[in-house]
Each structure stands twice: as C-alpha cells, then as structure tokens.
PDB file of N, CA and C in Angstrom:
ATOM      1  N   UNK A   1     -11.583 -12.190   5.750  1.00  0.00           N
ATOM      2  CA  UNK A   1     -10.517 -12.069   6.736  1.00  0.00           C
ATOM      3  C   UNK A   1      -9.265 -12.351   5.807  1.00  0.00           C
ATOM      4  N   UNK A   2      -9.257 -13.386   4.687  1.00  0.00           N
ATOM      5  CA  UNK A   2      -8.265 -13.728   3.953  1.00  0.00           C
ATOM      6  C   UNK A   2      -7.804 -12.791   2.986  1.00  0.00           C
ATOM      7  N   UNK A   3      -9.113 -11.924   2.438  1.00  0.00           N
ATOM      8  CA  UNK A   3      -8.564 -10.757   1.624  1.00  0.00           C
ATOM      9  C   UNK A   3      -7.504  -9.802   2.327  1.00  0.00           C
ATOM     10  N   UNK A   4      -8.257  -9.699   3.535  1.00  0.00           N
ATOM     11  CA  UNK A   4      -7.887  -8.350   4.559  1.00  0.00           C
ATOM     12  C   UNK A   4      -6.164  -8.933   4.742  1.00  0.00           C
ATOM     13  N   UNK A   5      -5.836 -10.255   5.066  1.00  0.00           N
ATOM     14  CA  UNK A   5      -4.643 -10.580   5.489  1.00  0.00           C
ATOM     15  C   UNK A   5      -3.672 -10.536   4.113  1.00  0.00           C
ATOM     16  N   UNK A   6      -4.200 -10.858   3.053  1.00  0.00           N
ATOM     17  CA  UNK A   6      -3.534 -10.889   2.008  1.00  0.00           C
ATOM     18  C   UNK A   6      -2.989  -9.431   1.467  1.00  0.00           C
ATOM     19  N   UNK A   7      -3.915  -8.604   1.687  1.00  0.00           N
ATOM     20  CA  UNK A   7      -3.762  -6.966   1.387  1.00  0.00           C
ATOM     21  C   UNK A   7      -2.635  -6.595   2.355  1.00  0.00           C
ATOM     22  N   UNK A   8      -2.651  -6.968   3.248  1.00  0.00           N
ATOM     23  CA  UNK A   8      -1.798  -6.439   4.547  1.00  0.00           C
ATOM     24  C   UNK A   8      -0.513  -7.054   3.975  1.00  0.00           C
ATOM     25  N   UNK A   9      -0.411  -8.179   3.649  1.00  0.00           N
ATOM     26  CA  UNK A   9       1.116  -8.722   3.435  1.00  0.00           C
ATOM     27  C   UNK A   9       1.545  -8.131   2.135  1.00  0.00           C
ATOM     28  N   UNK A  10       0.512  -7.995   1.125  1.00  0.00           N
ATOM     29  CA  UNK A  10       1.138  -7.309   0.081  1.00  0.00           C
ATOM     30  C   UNK A  10       1.443  -5.684   0.247  1.00  0.00           C
ATOM     31  N   UNK A  11       1.060  -5.261   1.282  1.00  0.00           N
ATOM     32  CA  UNK A  11       1.431  -3.658   1.385  1.00  0.00           C
ATOM     33  C   UNK A  11       2.597  -3.737   2.350  1.00  0.00           C
ATOM     34  N   UNK A  12       2.655  -4.738   3.387  1.00  0.00           N
ATOM     35  CA  UNK A  12       4.003  -4.753   4.048  1.00  0.00           C
ATOM     36  C   UNK A  12       5.146  -5.187   2.981  1.00  0.00           C
ATOM     37  N   UNK A  13       4.974  -6.043   2.071  1.00  0.00           N
ATOM     38  CA  UNK A  13       5.864  -6.531   1.126  1.00  0.00           C
ATOM     39  C   UNK A  13       6.185  -5.400   0.095  1.00  0.00           C
ATOM     40  N   UNK A  14       5.332  -4.266  -0.233  1.00  0.00           N
ATOM     41  CA  UNK A  14       5.667  -3.328  -1.060  1.00  0.00           C
ATOM     42  C   UNK A  14       6.402  -2.224  -0.237  1.00  0.00           C
ATOM     43  N   UNK A  15       6.093  -2.014   1.081  1.00  0.00           N
ATOM     44  CA  UNK A  15       6.671  -1.058   1.954  1.00  0.00           C
ATOM     45  C   UNK A  15       8.239  -1.596   2.093  1.00  0.00           C
ATOM     46  N   UNK A  16       8.198  -2.807   2.314  1.00  0.00           N
ATOM     47  CA  UNK A  16       9.715  -3.430   2.585  1.00  0.00           C
ATOM     48  C   UNK A  16      10.575  -3.174   1.339  1.00  0.00           C
ATOM     49  N   UNK A  17       9.774  -3.333   0.121  1.00  0.00           N
ATOM     50  CA  UNK A  17      10.527  -3.482  -1.360  1.00  0.00           C
ATOM     51  C   UNK A  17      11.134  -1.717  -1.297  1.00  0.00           C
ATOM     52  N   UNK A  18      10.035  -0.834  -1.183  1.00  0.00           N
ATOM     53  CA  UNK A  18      10.322   0.897  -1.050  1.00  0.00           C
ATOM     54  C   UNK A  18      11.364   1.078   0.049  1.00  0.00           C
ATOM     55  N   UNK A  19      11.418   0.584   0.945  1.00  0.00           N
ATOM     56  CA  UNK A  19      12.827   0.862   2.395  1.00  0.00           C
ATOM     57  C   UNK A  19      14.149   0.003   1.291  1.00  0.00           C
ATOM     58  N   UNK A  20      14.085  -1.012   1.323  1.00  0.00           N
ATOM     59  CA  UNK A  20      15.130  -1.849   0.660  1.00  0.00           C
ATOM     60  C   UNK A  20      15.632  -1.466  -0.584  1.00  0.00           C
ATOM     61  N   UNK A  21      14.934  -1.569  -1.663  1.00  0.00           N
ATOM     62  CA  UNK A  21      15.047  -1.099  -2.841  1.00  0.00           C
ATOM     63  C   UNK A  21      15.028   0.472  -3.546  1.00  0.00           C
ATOM     64  N   UNK A  22      13.967   0.975  -2.504  1.00  0.00           N
ATOM     65  CA  UNK A  22      13.629   2.391  -3.194  1.00  0.00           C
ATOM     66  C   UNK A  22      14.358   3.612  -2.538  1.00  0.00           C
ATOM     67  N   UNK A  23      14.069   4.080  -1.394  1.00  0.00           N
ATOM     68  CA  UNK A  23      14.636   5.230  -0.903  1.00  0.00           C
ATOM     69  C   UNK A  23      16.037   5.185  -0.625  1.00  0.00           C
ATOM     70  N   UNK A  24      16.677   4.456   0.026  1.00  0.00           N
ATOM     71  CA  UNK A  24      17.989   4.340   0.364  1.00  0.00           C
ATOM     72  C   UNK A  24      18.959   4.296  -0.884  1.00  0.00           C
ATOM     73  N   UNK A  25      18.661   3.039  -1.997  1.00  0.00           N
ATOM     74  CA  UNK A  25      19.363   2.994  -3.094  1.00  0.00           C
ATOM     75  C   UNK A  25      19.044   4.419  -3.897  1.00  0.00           C
ATOM     76  N   UNK A  26      17.744   4.937  -3.763  1.00  0.00           N
ATOM     77  CA  UNK A  26      17.716   6.118  -4.673  1.00  0.00           C
ATOM     78  C   UNK A  26      19.039   7.523  -3.844  1.00  0.00           C
ATOM     79  N   UNK A  27      19.100   7.484  -3.026  1.00  0.00           N
ATOM     80  CA  UNK A  27      19.963   8.340  -1.962  1.00  0.00           C
ATOM     81  C   UNK A  27      21.268   8.056  -2.267  1.00  0.00           C
ATOM     82  N   UNK A  28      21.605   6.669  -2.008  1.00  0.00           N
ATOM     83  CA  UNK A  28      23.052   5.940  -2.532  1.00  0.00           C
ATOM     84  C   UNK A  28      23.286   6.442  -4.162  1.00  0.00           C
ATOM     85  N   UNK A  29      22.220   6.290  -4.988  1.00  0.00           N
ATOM     86  CA  UNK A  29      22.434   6.384  -6.519  1.00  0.00           C
ATOM     87  C   UNK A  29      22.918   7.560  -6.746  1.00  0.00           C
ATOM     88  N   UNK A  30      22.038   8.490  -5.867  1.00  0.00           N
ATOM     89  CA  UNK A  30      22.134   9.579  -6.392  1.00  0.00           C
ATOM     90  C   UNK A  30      23.595  10.260  -5.986  1.00  0.00           C
ATOM     91  N   UNK A  31      23.968   9.918  -4.505  1.00  0.00           N
ATOM     92  CA  UNK A  31      25.324  10.488  -4.344  1.00  0.00           C
ATOM     93  C   UNK A  31      26.379  10.150  -4.863  1.00  0.00           C
ATOM     94  N   UNK A  32      26.292   8.674  -5.422  1.00  0.00           N
ATOM     95  CA  UNK A  32      27.374   8.135  -5.974  1.00  0.00           C
ATOM     96  C   UNK A  32      27.789   8.883  -7.578  1.00  0.00           C
ATOM     97  N   UNK A  33      26.284   8.812  -8.198  1.00  0.00           N
ATOM     98  CA  UNK A  33      26.501   9.425  -9.425  1.00  0.00           C
ATOM     99  C   UNK A  33      27.220  10.867  -9.407  1.00  0.00           C
ATOM    100  N   UNK A  34      26.731  11.632  -8.205  1.00  0.00           N
ATOM    101  CA  UNK A  34      27.113  12.903  -7.983  1.00  0.00           C
ATOM    102  C   UNK A  34      28.694  12.941  -8.049  1.00  0.00           C
ATOM    103  N   UNK A  35      28.929  12.226  -6.971  1.00  0.00           N
ATOM    104  CA  UNK A  35      30.481  12.132  -6.633  1.00  0.00           C
ATOM    105  C   UNK A  35      31.391  11.714  -8.056  1.00  0.00           C
ATOM    106  N   UNK A  36      30.705  10.798  -8.780  1.00  0.00           N
ATOM    107  CA  UNK A  36      31.298  10.225  -9.907  1.00  0.00           C
ATOM    108  C   UNK A  36      31.500  11.248 -10.854  1.00  0.00           C
ATOM    109  N   UNK A  37      30.293  11.656 -11.218  1.00  0.00           N
ATOM    110  CA  UNK A  37      30.284  12.818 -12.033  1.00  0.00           C
ATOM    111  C   UNK A  37      31.017  14.003 -12.159  1.00  0.00           C
ATOM    112  N   UNK A  38      31.148  14.791 -10.898  1.00  0.00           N
ATOM    113  CA  UNK A  38      31.910  15.596 -10.404  1.00  0.00           C
ATOM    114  C   UNK A  38      33.635  15.655 -10.470  1.00  0.00           C
ATOM    115  N   UNK A  39      33.931  14.302 -10.285  1.00  0.00           N
ATOM    116  CA  UNK A  39      35.263  13.638 -10.371  1.00  0.00           C
ATOM    117  C   UNK A  39      35.386  13.479 -11.918  1.00  0.00           C
ATOM    118  N   UNK A  40      34.554  13.078 -12.569  1.00  0.00           N
ATOM    119  CA  UNK A  40      35.136  12.900 -14.131  1.00  0.00           C
ATOM    120  C   UNK A  40      35.025  14.328 -14.790  1.00  0.00           C
ATOM    121  N   UNK A  41      34.565  15.043 -14.434  1.00  0.00           N
ATOM    122  CA  UNK A  41      34.255  16.313 -14.941  1.00  0.00           C
ATOM    123  C   UNK A  41      35.398  17.337 -15.355  1.00  0.00           C
ATOM    124  N   UNK A  42      36.336  16.865 -14.238  1.00  0.00           N
ATOM    125  CA  UNK A  42      37.670  17.527 -14.284  1.00  0.00           C
ATOM    126  C   UNK A  42      38.539  17.493 -15.495  1.00  0.00           C
ATOM    127  N   UNK A  43      38.669  16.315 -16.201  1.00  0.00           N
ATOM    128  CA  UNK A  43      39.218  16.100 -17.130  1.00  0.00           C
ATOM    129  C   UNK A  43      38.484  15.457 -18.553  1.00  0.00           C
ATOM    130  N   UNK A  44      37.282  16.306 -18.605  1.00  0.00           N
ATOM    131  CA  UNK A  44      36.227  16.255 -19.873  1.00  0.00           C
ATOM    132  C   UNK A  44      36.137  17.523 -20.345  1.00  0.00           C
ATOM    133  N   UNK A  45      35.542  17.205 -21.815  1.00  0.00           N
ATOM    134  CA  UNK A  45      35.496  18.495 -22.289  1.00  0.00           C
ATOM    135  C   UNK A  45      33.811  18.664 -22.438  1.00  0.00           C
ATOM    136  N   UNK A  46      33.535  19.990 -22.917  1.00  0.00           N
ATOM    137  CA  UNK A  46      32.352  20.302 -22.537  1.00  0.00           C
ATOM    138  C   UNK A  46      30.861  19.296 -23.099  1.00  0.00           C
ATOM    139  N   UNK A  47      31.582  18.803 -24.547  1.00  0.00           N
ATOM    140  CA  UNK A  47      30.595  17.993 -24.905  1.00  0.00           C
ATOM    141  C   UNK A  47      30.434  16.631 -24.118  1.00  0.00           C
ATOM    142  N   UNK A  48      31.321  16.232 -23.475  1.00  0.00           N
ATOM    143  CA  UNK A  48      31.496  14.956 -22.502  1.00  0.00           C
ATOM    144  C   UNK A  48      30.601  15.185 -21.224  1.00  0.00           C
ATOM    145  N   UNK A  49      31.020  16.518 -20.785  1.00  0.00           N
ATOM    146  CA  UNK A  49      30.256  16.807 -19.680  1.00  0.00           C
ATOM    147  C   UNK A  49      28.789  16.972 -20.050  1.00  0.00           C
ATOM    148  N   UNK A  50      28.175  17.476 -20.824  1.00  0.00           N
ATOM    149  CA  UNK A  50      27.015  17.489 -21.310  1.00  0.00           C
ATOM    150  C   UNK A  50      26.396  15.907 -20.818  1.00  0.00           C
ATOM    151  N   UNK A  51      26.957  15.287 -21.869  1.00  0.00           N
ATOM    152  CA  UNK A  51      26.541  13.778 -22.178  1.00  0.00           C
ATOM    153  C   UNK A  51      26.416  13.045 -20.669  1.00  0.00           C
ATOM    154  N   UNK A  52      27.425  13.327 -20.081  1.00  0.00           N
ATOM    155  CA  UNK A  52      27.418  12.658 -18.553  1.00  0.00           C
ATOM    156  C   UNK A  52      26.251  13.099 -17.693  1.00  0.00           C
ATOM    157  N   UNK A  53      26.334  14.353 -17.757  1.00  0.00           N
ATOM    158  CA  UNK A  53      24.877  15.080 -17.120  1.00  0.00           C
ATOM    159  C   UNK A  53      23.433  14.667 -17.570  1.00  0.00           C
ATOM    160  N   UNK A  54      23.485  14.424 -18.815  1.00  0.00           N
ATOM    161  CA  UNK A  54      21.966  13.861 -19.337  1.00  0.00           C
ATOM    162  C   UNK A  54      22.064  12.364 -18.748  1.00  0.00           C
ATOM    163  N   UNK A  55      23.154  11.763 -18.589  1.00  0.00           N
ATOM    164  CA  UNK A  55      22.943  10.213 -18.587  1.00  0.00           C
ATOM    165  C   UNK A  55      22.597  10.188 -17.003  1.00  0.00           C
ATOM    166  N   UNK A  56      23.400  10.864 -16.279  1.00  0.00           N
ATOM    167  CA  UNK A  56      22.951  10.950 -14.852  1.00  0.00           C
ATOM    168  C   UNK A  56      21.361  11.279 -14.393  1.00  0.00           C
ATOM    169  N   UNK A  57      21.152  12.416 -15.304  1.00  0.00           N
ATOM    170  CA  UNK A  57      19.678  12.692 -15.009  1.00  0.00           C
ATOM    171  C   UNK A  57      18.758  11.544 -15.586  1.00  0.00           C
ATOM    172  N   UNK A  58      19.017  11.030 -16.711  1.00  0.00           N
ATOM    173  CA  UNK A  58      17.793   9.775 -16.993  1.00  0.00           C
ATOM    174  C   UNK A  58      17.941   8.905 -15.809  1.00  0.00           C
ATOM    175  N   UNK A  59      19.119   8.670 -15.393  1.00  0.00           N
ATOM    176  CA  UNK A  59      19.430   7.496 -14.313  1.00  0.00           C
ATOM    177  C   UNK A  59      18.580   7.754 -12.914  1.00  0.00           C
ATOM    178  N   UNK A  60      18.695   9.203 -12.534  1.00  0.00           N
ATOM    179  CA  UNK A  60      17.804   9.589 -11.548  1.00  0.00           C
ATOM    180  C   UNK A  60      16.395   9.268 -11.684  1.00  0.00           C
ATOM    181  N   UNK A  61      15.877   9.687 -13.132  1.00  0.00           N
ATOM    182  CA  UNK A  61      14.470   9.644 -13.352  1.00  0.00           C
ATOM    183  C   UNK A  61      13.824   8.399 -13.372  1.00  0.00           C
ATOM    184  N   UNK A  62      14.800   7.226 -13.689  1.00  0.00           N
ATOM    185  CA  UNK A  62      14.342   6.152 -13.791  1.00  0.00           C
ATOM    186  C   UNK A  62      14.252   5.704 -12.541  1.00  0.00           C
ATOM    187  N   UNK A  63      14.886   5.779 -11.600  1.00  0.00           N
ATOM    188  CA  UNK A  63      15.046   5.528 -10.168  1.00  0.00           C
ATOM    189  C   UNK A  63      13.765   5.991  -9.484  1.00  0.00           C
ATOM    190  N   UNK A  64      13.290   7.393  -9.980  1.00  0.00           N
ATOM    191  CA  UNK A  64      12.227   8.009  -9.146  1.00  0.00           C
ATOM    192  C   UNK A  64      11.387   7.444  -9.795  1.00  0.00           C
ATOM    193  N   UNK A  65      11.097   6.778 -10.908  1.00  0.00           N
ATOM    194  CA  UNK A  65       9.718   6.474 -11.547  1.00  0.00           C
ATOM    195  C   UNK A  65       9.404   5.152 -10.728  1.00  0.00           C
ATOM    196  N   UNK A  66      10.756   4.396 -10.620  1.00  0.00           N
ATOM    197  CA  UNK A  66      10.561   2.962  -9.791  1.00  0.00           C
ATOM    198  C   UNK A  66       9.881   3.303  -8.288  1.00  0.00           C
ATOM    199  N   UNK A  67      10.590   4.218  -7.941  1.00  0.00           N
ATOM    200  CA  UNK A  67       9.809   4.517  -6.369  1.00  0.00           C
ATOM    201  C   UNK A  67       8.695   5.064  -6.456  1.00  0.00           C
ATOM    202  N   UNK A  68       8.313   5.655  -7.246  1.00  0.00           N
ATOM    203  CA  UNK A  68       6.987   6.510  -7.405  1.00  0.00           C
ATOM    204  C   UNK A  68       6.082   5.221  -7.457  1.00  0.00           C
ATOM    205  N   UNK A  69       6.121   4.306  -8.624  1.00  0.00           N
ATOM    206  CA  UNK A  69       5.419   3.120  -8.808  1.00  0.00           C
ATOM    207  C   UNK A  69       5.171   2.235  -7.471  1.00  0.00           C
ATOM    208  N   UNK A  70       6.356   2.076  -6.684  1.00  0.00           N
ATOM    209  CA  UNK A  70       6.079   1.447  -5.399  1.00  0.00           C
ATOM    210  C   UNK A  70       5.233   2.209  -4.568  1.00  0.00           C
ATOM    211  N   UNK A  71       5.429   3.507  -4.467  1.00  0.00           N
ATOM    212  CA  UNK A  71       4.514   4.185  -3.410  1.00  0.00           C
ATOM    213  C   UNK A  71       3.185   4.143  -4.143  1.00  0.00           C
ATOM    214  N   UNK A  72       2.979   4.359  -5.489  1.00  0.00           N
ATOM    215  CA  UNK A  72       1.539   4.175  -5.886  1.00  0.00           C
ATOM    216  C   UNK A  72       0.897   2.705  -5.574  1.00  0.00           C
ATOM    217  N   UNK A  73       1.886   1.688  -5.388  1.00  0.00           N
ATOM    218  CA  UNK A  73       1.291   0.285  -5.207  1.00  0.00           C
ATOM    219  C   UNK A  73       0.857   0.387  -3.803  1.00  0.00           C
ATOM    220  N   UNK A  74       1.755   0.971  -2.972  1.00  0.00           N
ATOM    221  CA  UNK A  74       1.305   0.659  -1.435  1.00  0.00           C
ATOM    222  C   UNK A  74       0.075   1.645  -1.336  1.00  0.00           C
ATOM    223  N   UNK A  75      -0.324   2.860  -2.006  1.00  0.00           N
ATOM    224  CA  UNK A  75      -1.230   3.612  -1.673  1.00  0.00           C
ATOM    225  C   UNK A  75      -2.811   3.102  -2.289  1.00  0.00           C
ATOM    226  N   UNK A  76      -2.714   2.133  -3.165  1.00  0.00           N
ATOM    227  CA  UNK A  76      -3.757   1.304  -3.972  1.00  0.00           C
ATOM    228  C   UNK A  76      -3.806   0.366  -2.770  1.00  0.00           C
ATOM    229  N   UNK A  77      -3.082  -0.321  -2.397  1.00  0.00           N
ATOM    230  CA  UNK A  77      -2.970  -1.504  -1.603  1.00  0.00           C
ATOM    231  C   UNK A  77      -3.803  -1.011  -0.063  1.00  0.00           C
ATOM    232  N   UNK A  78      -3.199   0.309   0.043  1.00  0.00           N
ATOM    233  CA  UNK A  78      -3.925   0.745   1.528  1.00  0.00           C
ATOM    234  C   UNK A  78      -5.425   1.221   1.293  1.00  0.00           C
ATOM    235  N   UNK A  79      -5.698   1.722   0.017  1.00  0.00           N
ATOM    236  CA  UNK A  79      -7.207   2.007  -0.416  1.00  0.00           C
ATOM    237  C   UNK A  79      -8.123   0.756  -0.413  1.00  0.00           C
ATOM    238  N   UNK A  80      -7.385  -0.303  -0.843  1.00  0.00           N
ATOM    239  CA  UNK A  80      -8.474  -1.570  -1.007  1.00  0.00           C
ATOM    240  C   UNK A  80      -8.513  -2.196   0.456  1.00  0.00           C
ATOM    241  N   UNK A  81      -7.706  -2.178   1.267  1.00  0.00           N
ATOM    242  CA  UNK A  81      -7.413  -2.521   2.333  1.00  0.00           C
ATOM    243  C   UNK A  81      -8.769  -1.884   3.241  1.00  0.00           C
ATOM    244  N   UNK A  82      -8.767  -0.291   3.212  1.00  0.00           N
ATOM    245  CA  UNK A  82      -9.640   0.170   3.780  1.00  0.00           C
ATOM    246  C   UNK A  82     -11.270  -0.337   3.130  1.00  0.00           C
ATOM    247  N   UNK A  83     -11.228  -0.265   2.045  1.00  0.00           N
ATOM    248  CA  UNK A  83     -12.679  -0.432   1.294  1.00  0.00           C
ATOM    249  C   UNK A  83     -12.935  -1.780   1.830  1.00  0.00           C
ATOM    250  N   UNK A  84     -11.990  -2.861   1.784  1.00  0.00           N
ATOM    251  CA  UNK A  84     -12.348  -3.960   2.289  1.00  0.00           C
ATOM    252  C   UNK A  84     -12.790  -4.219   3.665  1.00  0.00           C
ATOM    253  N   UNK A  85     -12.009  -3.305   4.609  1.00  0.00           N
ATOM    254  CA  UNK A  85     -12.234  -3.399   5.874  1.00  0.00           C
ATOM    255  C   UNK A  85     -13.623  -3.004   6.260  1.00  0.00           C
ATOM    256  N   UNK A  86     -14.124  -1.689   5.384  1.00  0.00           N
ATOM    257  CA  UNK A  86     -15.293  -1.124   5.433  1.00  0.00           C
ATOM    258  C   UNK A  86     -16.462  -1.810   5.083  1.00  0.00           C
ATOM    259  N   UNK A  87     -16.437  -2.970   3.907  1.00  0.00           N
ATOM    260  CA  UNK A  87     -17.200  -4.013   3.659  1.00  0.00           C
ATOM    261  C   UNK A  87     -17.295  -5.048   4.596  1.00  0.00           C
ATOM    262  N   UNK A  88     -16.482  -5.415   5.433  1.00  0.00           N
ATOM    263  CA  UNK A  88     -16.306  -6.519   6.127  1.00  0.00           C
ATOM    264  C   UNK A  88     -17.164  -5.974   7.541  1.00  0.00           C
ATOM    265  N   UNK A  89     -16.997  -4.635   7.836  1.00  0.00           N
ATOM    266  CA  UNK A  89     -17.446  -4.137   9.094  1.00  0.00           C
ATOM    267  C   UNK A  89     -19.086  -4.047   8.812  1.00  0.00           C
ATOM    268  N   UNK A  90     -19.399  -3.756   7.432  1.00  0.00           N
ATOM    269  CA  UNK A  90     -20.812  -3.549   7.050  1.00  0.00           C
ATOM    270  C   UNK A  90     -21.316  -4.990   7.121  1.00  0.00           C
ATOM    271  N   UNK A  91     -21.015  -5.864   6.560  1.00  0.00           N
ATOM    272  CA  UNK A  91     -21.436  -7.237   6.493  1.00  0.00           C
ATOM    273  C   UNK A  91     -21.623  -7.870   7.837  1.00  0.00           C
ATOM    274  N   UNK A  92     -20.750  -7.712   8.943  1.00  0.00           N
ATOM    275  CA  UNK A  92     -20.708  -8.176  10.255  1.00  0.00           C
ATOM    276  C   UNK A  92     -22.167  -7.360  10.697  1.00  0.00           C
ATOM    277  N   UNK A  93     -22.117  -5.897  10.464  1.00  0.00           N
ATOM    278  CA  UNK A  93     -23.236  -5.371  11.027  1.00  0.00           C
ATOM    279  C   UNK A  93     -24.453  -5.830  10.841  1.00  0.00           C
ATOM    280  N   UNK A  94     -24.481  -6.066   9.585  1.00  0.00           N
ATOM    281  CA  UNK A  94     -26.184  -6.666   8.893  1.00  0.00           C
ATOM    282  C   UNK A  94     -26.088  -8.173   9.272  1.00  0.00           C
ATOM    283  N   UNK A  95     -25.027  -9.027   9.546  1.00  0.00           N
ATOM    284  CA  UNK A  95     -24.960 -10.115  10.143  1.00  0.00           C
ATOM    285  C   UNK A  95     -25.525  -9.925  11.403  1.00  0.00           C
ATOM    286  N   UNK A  96     -24.944  -9.249  12.401  1.00  0.00           N
ATOM    287  CA  UNK A  96     -25.569  -9.270  13.793  1.00  0.00           C
ATOM    288  C   UNK A  96     -26.804  -8.713  13.965  1.00  0.00           C
ATOM    289  N   UNK A  97     -27.314  -7.517  12.947  1.00  0.00           N
ATOM    290  CA  UNK A  97     -28.654  -6.998  12.834  1.00  0.00           C
ATOM    291  C   UNK A  97     -29.537  -8.168  12.813  1.00  0.00           C
ATOM    292  N   UNK A  98     -29.371  -9.056  11.677  1.00  0.00           N
ATOM    293  CA  UNK A  98     -30.053 -10.301  11.129  1.00  0.00           C
ATOM    294  C   UNK A  98     -30.477 -11.427  12.623  1.00  0.00           C
ATOM    295  N   UNK A  99     -29.004 -11.520  13.289  1.00  0.00           N
ATOM    296  CA  UNK A  99     -29.123 -12.569  14.365  1.00  0.00           C
ATOM    297  C   UNK A  99     -30.079 -11.853  15.484  1.00  0.00           C
ATOM    298  N   UNK A 100     -29.991 -10.661  15.731  1.00  0.00           N
ATOM    299  CA  UNK A 100     -30.639  -9.826  16.650  1.00  0.00           C
ATOM    300  C   UNK A 100     -32.198 -10.176  16.576  1.00  0.00           C
ATOM    301  N   UNK A 101     -32.366  -9.831  15.093  1.00  0.00           N
ATOM    302  CA  UNK A 101     -33.774  -9.890  14.916  1.00  0.00           C
ATOM    303  C   UNK A 101     -34.490 -11.325  14.955  1.00  0.00           C
ATOM    304  N   UNK A 102     -33.691 -12.181  14.715  1.00  0.00           N
ATOM    305  CA  UNK A 102     -34.151 -13.543  14.764  1.00  0.00           C
ATOM    306  C   UNK A 102     -34.375 -13.838  16.231  1.00  0.00           C
ATOM    307  N   UNK A 103     -33.410 -13.469  16.966  1.00  0.00           N
ATOM    308  CA  UNK A 103     -33.186 -13.766  18.413  1.00  0.00           C
ATOM    309  C   UNK A 103     -34.637 -12.795  18.954  1.00  0.00           C
ATOM    310  N   UNK A 104     -34.829 -11.959  18.934  1.00  0.00           N
ATOM    311  CA  UNK A 104     -36.266 -10.932  18.821  1.00  0.00           C
ATOM    312  C   UNK A 104     -37.674 -11.952  18.761  1.00  0.00           C
ATOM    313  N   UNK A 105     -37.382 -12.439  17.507  1.00  0.00           N
ATOM    314  CA  UNK A 105     -38.323 -13.040  17.031  1.00  0.00           C
ATOM    315  C   UNK A 105     -38.834 -14.324  17.867  1.00  0.00           C
ATOM    316  N   UNK A 106     -37.950 -14.924  18.158  1.00  0.00           N
ATOM    317  CA  UNK A 106     -37.831 -16.297  18.861  1.00  0.00           C
ATOM    318  C   UNK A 106     -38.487 -15.936  20.136  1.00  0.00           C
ATOM    319  N   UNK A 107     -37.566 -14.777  20.752  1.00  0.00           N
ATOM    320  CA  UNK A 107     -38.216 -14.503  22.225  1.00  0.00           C
ATOM    321  C   UNK A 107     -39.711 -14.197  22.344  1.00  0.00           C
ATOM    322  N   UNK A 108     -40.003 -13.602  21.224  1.00  0.00           N
ATOM    323  CA  UNK A 108     -41.566 -13.028  21.378  1.00  0.00           C
ATOM    324  C   UNK A 108     -42.376 -14.364  21.059  1.00  0.00           C
ATOM    325  N   UNK A 109     -42.066 -14.878  20.031  1.00  0.00           N
ATOM    326  CA  UNK A 109     -42.824 -16.514  20.107  1.00  0.00           C
ATOM    327  C   UNK A 109     -42.696 -16.933  21.166  1.00  0.00           C
ATOM    328  N   UNK A 110     -41.645 -17.321  21.633  1.00  0.00           N
ATOM    329  CA  UNK A 110     -41.786 -17.877  23.050  1.00  0.00           C
ATOM    330  C   UNK A 110     -42.825 -17.608  24.065  1.00  0.00           C
ATOM    331  N   UNK A 111     -42.615 -15.972  24.187  1.00  0.00           N
ATOM    332  CA  UNK A 111     -42.991 -15.471  25.202  1.00  0.00           C
ATOM    333  C   UNK A 111     -44.974 -15.448  24.811  1.00  0.00           C
ATOM    334  N   UNK A 112     -45.202 -15.517  24.021  1.00  0.00           N
ATOM    335  CA  UNK A 112     -46.521 -15.842  23.628  1.00  0.00           C
ATOM    336  C   UNK A 112     -47.141 -17.311  23.778  1.00  0.00           C
ATOM    337  N   UNK A 113     -46.479 -18.192  23.518  1.00  0.00           N
ATOM    338  CA  UNK A 113     -46.750 -19.559  23.733  1.00  0.00           C
ATOM    339  C   UNK A 113     -46.842 -19.574  25.467  1.00  0.00           C
ATOM    340  N   UNK A 114     -45.938 -18.900  26.090  1.00  0.00           N
ATOM    341  CA  UNK A 114     -46.203 -19.141  27.467  1.00  0.00           C
ATOM    342  C   UNK A 114     -47.549 -18.349  27.991  1.00  0.00           C
ATOM    343  N   UNK A 115     -47.784 -17.161  27.468  1.00  0.00           N
ATOM    344  CA  UNK A 115     -48.939 -16.612  27.714  1.00  0.00           C
ATOM    345  C   UNK A 115     -50.174 -17.509  27.537  1.00  0.00           C
ATOM    346  N   UNK A 116     -50.175 -18.076  26.096  1.00  0.00           N
ATOM    347  CA  UNK A 116     -51.353 -18.974  25.772  1.00  0.00           C
ATOM    348  C   UNK A 116     -51.490 -20.244  26.654  1.00  0.00           C
ATOM    349  N   UNK A 117     -50.176 -20.697  26.888  1.00  0.00           N
ATOM    350  CA  UNK A 117     -50.383 -21.939  28.279  1.00  0.00           C
ATOM    351  C   UNK A 117     -50.817 -21.560  29.695  1.00  0.00           C
ATOM    352  N   UNK A 118     -50.257 -20.353  29.958  1.00  0.00           N
ATOM    353  CA  UNK A 118     -50.819 -19.992  31.372  1.00  0.00           C
ATOM    354  C   UNK A 118     -52.483 -19.450  31.012  1.00  0.00           C
TER     355      UNK A 118
END
C-alpha cells in the first residue's frame, strides 16, 4: 500500500508540475515570444529577423521538451501504478485462496473428529 500511495503522490506532483510549469507557461511563453518578435521585426534587418526567429524556435523546442518529459513521467508513473495495483490484487487473491483452503481443511478435520466421536 505504501508503494501505491507513493506512486499516486508522485503522479499528482508530476501532474501539478505539468499544470503549473508546463502547459500554461508554454502557452504564455509562446504568446509573449510571438508578440515580442512581431514588434521587434518592424525595426530589424533580414539577418536580425532570421536570428530572432531561430532563438524563438529554440525556446519553444526547449519548453516542449520539458513538457514532454513531464508527460512521460506521468505516463510511466501511471503504468507503474497499474502494474503495482495488479500485483497487489494478485497477492490479495492468493492470500484469500490460501486462507479459504486452510478454513476448508480445518472444517473438514473438525467434521471428521465429530464423526469419530459420534
């Protein structure tokens, strides 16, 4: 259960991180960069415009890579959580079957003893 809880907390943290630093920031960064670039373009030469576009493109790519990394982290955490929950269910099922078998065995032995006594 601690492992499951830990994975859930990790996934929640990753999701919070994605929402706080990922998607909204990406949207804001792109919008800001586009506005700044367009305003700056008016007074720049072709060379300066090309360099500005390359910088803008690099910044967007870096931000996208960070966001992609966070999403991958969430996906991996979710897959681990599913595997762990399936393992936990399997072990619970095994334990339940073992307990059931023991109970049946004890009842059978107890019933035999009663028949012997009678």
